[in-house]
Protein backbone atom coordinates (compact mmCIF):
# COMPACT_ATOMS: atom_id res chain seq x y z
CA MET A 1 0.00 0.00 0.00
CA GLU A 2 1.28 3.40 -0.99
CA GLN A 3 2.05 5.83 1.78
CA LEU A 4 0.92 9.43 1.36
CA PRO A 5 3.34 12.20 2.18
CA LYS A 6 2.61 13.73 5.55
CA ASN A 7 1.88 17.17 4.16
CA ASP A 8 -0.52 15.87 1.44
CA VAL A 9 -4.01 15.91 2.94
CA LYS A 10 -6.84 14.12 1.10
CA THR A 11 -10.47 14.82 1.89
CA PHE A 12 -13.68 13.15 0.94
CA LYS A 13 -17.00 14.98 0.83
CA ALA A 14 -20.32 13.18 0.96
CA VAL A 15 -23.50 15.12 0.34
CA SER A 16 -26.98 13.77 0.91
CA VAL A 17 -30.14 15.44 -0.39
CA ARG A 18 -33.76 14.33 -0.35
CA ASP A 19 -34.74 15.85 -3.70
CA MET A 20 -32.07 16.03 -6.35
CA GLN A 21 -34.23 18.11 -8.71
CA ALA A 22 -34.92 20.74 -6.04
CA ASN A 23 -31.24 20.91 -5.03
CA GLN A 24 -29.77 20.91 -8.50
CA LYS A 25 -28.23 24.41 -8.32
CA PRO A 26 -26.28 23.79 -5.07
CA LEU A 27 -25.13 20.40 -6.38
CA GLU A 28 -23.89 22.04 -9.59
CA LYS A 29 -21.93 24.58 -7.49
CA LEU A 30 -20.40 21.80 -5.39
CA TYR A 31 -19.45 19.84 -8.49
CA ALA A 32 -17.93 22.91 -10.17
CA GLY A 33 -15.91 23.56 -7.01
CA GLU A 34 -14.70 19.97 -6.91
CA LEU A 35 -13.61 20.14 -10.55
CA ARG A 36 -10.94 22.67 -9.56
CA TYR A 37 -9.28 20.08 -7.34
CA THR A 38 -9.78 16.92 -9.38
CA ASP A 39 -8.34 15.96 -12.71
CA HIS A 40 -11.20 14.00 -14.27
CA GLY A 41 -12.20 17.01 -16.40
CA ASN A 42 -15.33 16.56 -18.48
CA LEU A 43 -15.63 12.84 -17.91
CA MET A 44 -18.77 11.38 -16.45
CA VAL A 45 -19.67 12.74 -13.04
CA PRO A 46 -19.48 9.98 -10.43
CA GLY A 47 -22.22 9.02 -8.00
CA ALA A 48 -25.93 9.68 -7.79
CA TYR A 49 -25.52 13.25 -9.03
CA GLY A 50 -23.70 11.92 -12.09
CA ASN A 51 -26.54 9.51 -12.78
CA PHE A 52 -28.98 12.38 -12.34
CA VAL A 53 -27.09 14.54 -14.87
CA MET A 54 -26.82 11.66 -17.34
CA LEU A 55 -30.51 10.71 -17.11
CA LYS A 56 -31.54 14.35 -17.38
CA SER A 57 -29.58 14.71 -20.62
CA ILE A 58 -31.08 11.49 -22.02
CA PHE A 59 -34.63 12.49 -21.14
CA GLY A 60 -33.96 16.01 -22.42
CA GLY A 61 -33.12 14.53 -25.81
CA LEU A 62 -36.18 12.32 -25.70
CA GLU A 63 -38.31 15.31 -24.78
CA PHE A 64 -36.95 17.31 -27.73
CA MET A 65 -37.57 14.42 -30.12
CA SER A 66 -41.07 13.94 -28.72
CA VAL A 67 -41.96 17.60 -29.16
CA PHE A 68 -40.51 17.67 -32.68
CA LEU A 69 -42.30 14.50 -33.75
CA GLY A 70 -45.51 15.61 -32.04
CA ILE A 71 -45.53 18.89 -33.96
CA ALA A 72 -44.71 17.08 -37.21
CA PHE A 73 -47.54 14.57 -36.72
CA LEU A 74 -49.93 17.34 -35.70
CA VAL A 75 -49.18 19.31 -38.85
CA MET A 76 -49.52 16.18 -41.00
CA LEU A 77 -52.83 15.24 -39.36
CA ALA A 78 -54.28 18.72 -39.65
CA SER A 79 -53.11 19.00 -43.27
CA THR A 80 -54.67 15.64 -44.09
CA LEU A 81 -57.95 16.66 -42.47
CA MET A 82 -57.85 19.97 -44.34
CA PHE A 83 -57.25 18.12 -47.62
CA LYS A 84 -60.10 15.69 -46.84
CA VAL A 85 -62.55 18.50 -46.14
CA LEU A 86 -61.53 20.57 -49.14
CA SER A 87 -61.49 17.63 -51.57
CA ASN A 88 -65.25 17.11 -51.05
CA VAL A 89 -66.16 20.71 -51.86
CA SER A 90 -67.96 19.97 -55.14
CA GLN A 91 -70.30 17.44 -53.50
CA ASP A 92 -70.85 19.63 -50.46
CA ARG A 93 -71.57 22.67 -52.61
CA GLN A 94 -74.60 20.83 -54.05
CA ARG A 95 -75.85 20.01 -50.52
CA TYR A 96 -75.58 23.62 -49.42
CA GLN A 97 -77.33 24.84 -52.60
CA ILE A 98 -80.24 22.52 -51.79
CA LEU A 99 -80.31 23.93 -48.24
CA LYS A 100 -80.34 27.44 -49.70
CA MET A 101 -83.28 26.51 -51.98
CA ILE A 102 -85.37 25.31 -49.05
CA GLY A 103 -84.81 28.58 -47.20
CA THR A 104 -81.76 28.19 -44.99
CA THR A 105 -80.38 31.58 -44.02
CA PRO A 106 -76.74 32.40 -44.84
CA SER A 107 -75.86 32.64 -41.14
CA ALA A 108 -77.40 29.21 -40.47
CA ALA A 109 -75.43 27.80 -43.41
CA ARG A 110 -72.20 29.28 -41.96
CA VAL A 111 -72.94 27.69 -38.57
CA LEU A 112 -73.63 24.39 -40.30
CA THR A 113 -70.28 24.53 -42.13
CA ILE A 114 -68.52 25.15 -38.82
CA LYS A 115 -70.28 22.13 -37.29
CA ASP A 116 -69.49 19.91 -40.31
CA VAL A 117 -65.80 20.78 -40.32
CA GLY A 118 -65.68 20.75 -36.50
CA ILE A 119 -66.87 17.16 -36.31
CA LEU A 120 -64.19 16.06 -38.75
CA PHE A 121 -61.50 18.01 -36.88
CA PHE A 122 -62.30 17.64 -33.22
CA ILE A 123 -63.29 13.97 -32.91
CA PRO A 124 -59.74 12.86 -33.91
CA MET A 125 -58.30 15.51 -31.60
CA ILE A 126 -60.35 14.31 -28.61
CA ILE A 127 -59.35 10.70 -29.30
CA GLY A 128 -55.70 11.76 -29.61
CA VAL A 129 -55.75 13.69 -26.33
CA LEU A 130 -57.38 10.78 -24.50
CA ASP A 131 -54.83 8.39 -26.00
CA THR A 132 -52.02 10.67 -24.82
CA VAL A 133 -53.40 11.08 -21.31
CA PHE A 134 -53.86 7.34 -20.81
CA GLY A 135 -50.70 6.44 -22.76
CA LEU A 136 -48.49 8.48 -20.47
CA GLN A 137 -49.30 5.96 -17.73
CA SER A 138 -46.88 3.55 -19.42
CA PHE A 139 -43.98 5.97 -18.74
CA LYS A 140 -44.50 6.01 -14.96
CA PRO A 141 -41.93 3.23 -14.29
CA ILE A 142 -39.13 5.21 -15.97
CA MET A 143 -40.13 8.80 -15.18
CA VAL A 144 -40.99 10.51 -11.90
CA ASP A 145 -43.97 12.39 -13.34
CA PRO A 146 -44.71 11.89 -17.05
CA TYR A 147 -47.52 14.48 -16.86
CA ILE A 148 -45.17 17.43 -16.26
CA GLY A 149 -45.80 19.97 -19.00
CA LEU A 150 -48.85 18.16 -20.36
CA GLY A 151 -51.07 21.22 -19.90
CA ASN A 152 -48.69 23.51 -21.77
CA GLY A 153 -48.26 20.94 -24.53
CA LEU A 154 -52.00 20.52 -24.90
CA MET A 155 -52.44 24.29 -25.10
CA ILE A 156 -49.85 24.54 -27.89
CA VAL A 157 -51.33 21.59 -29.77
CA GLY A 158 -54.84 22.97 -29.29
CA GLY A 159 -53.73 26.37 -30.55
CA VAL A 160 -52.12 24.98 -33.70
CA TYR A 161 -55.07 22.68 -34.29
CA LEU A 162 -57.54 25.54 -33.79
CA LEU A 163 -55.57 27.67 -36.26
CA TYR A 164 -55.82 24.89 -38.89
CA PHE A 165 -59.53 24.56 -38.09
CA VAL A 166 -60.21 28.28 -38.55
CA ILE A 167 -58.26 28.39 -41.83
CA THR A 168 -60.09 25.30 -43.10
CA VAL A 169 -63.51 26.70 -42.16
CA PHE A 170 -62.68 30.01 -43.84
CA ILE A 171 -61.59 28.34 -47.08
CA TYR A 172 -64.44 25.83 -46.97
CA GLN A 173 -67.08 28.52 -46.49
CA ARG A 174 -65.65 30.59 -49.36
CA LEU A 175 -65.75 27.56 -51.67
CA VAL A 176 -69.09 26.05 -50.61
CA LEU A 177 -71.19 29.10 -49.86
CA LYS A 178 -70.10 31.27 -52.76
CA LYS A 179 -72.89 32.77 -54.75
């Protein structure tokens, strides 16, 4: 066993915290301070804090990919629904002309177009939201709380979806209800 010189003092610090997420800033400061005295540079951080940093970076990447793919699928779904609605314009125009002949007011026809397009848009959205809410249960074994940020995500998705809906209704009404 190697003997240390008498003037070379080695210390060991052990830190225990109950909630690593809540104490992340002090742990980062401690780790940065320890880096000045150790020579392991940018290698993996040892211990529970190292595992925390590593898992956070992995889940951060997964979160980015999930958001990116979610937006891509949302845009594809909304575009497909828009195409579906607008591809049936010639048939729907005849239906609305018949309604006009039997005395439907223009405002009632506009409300009816909103309901027709709304059914095609919002039933898939409701099913998708329910699937997401119940599907996140499967992530509970690997994540502390898979529902963090769900409300914000649903607001963004709902906003984009509503924008597509409004654009589709506007185009659909101009094509179907034109005089």
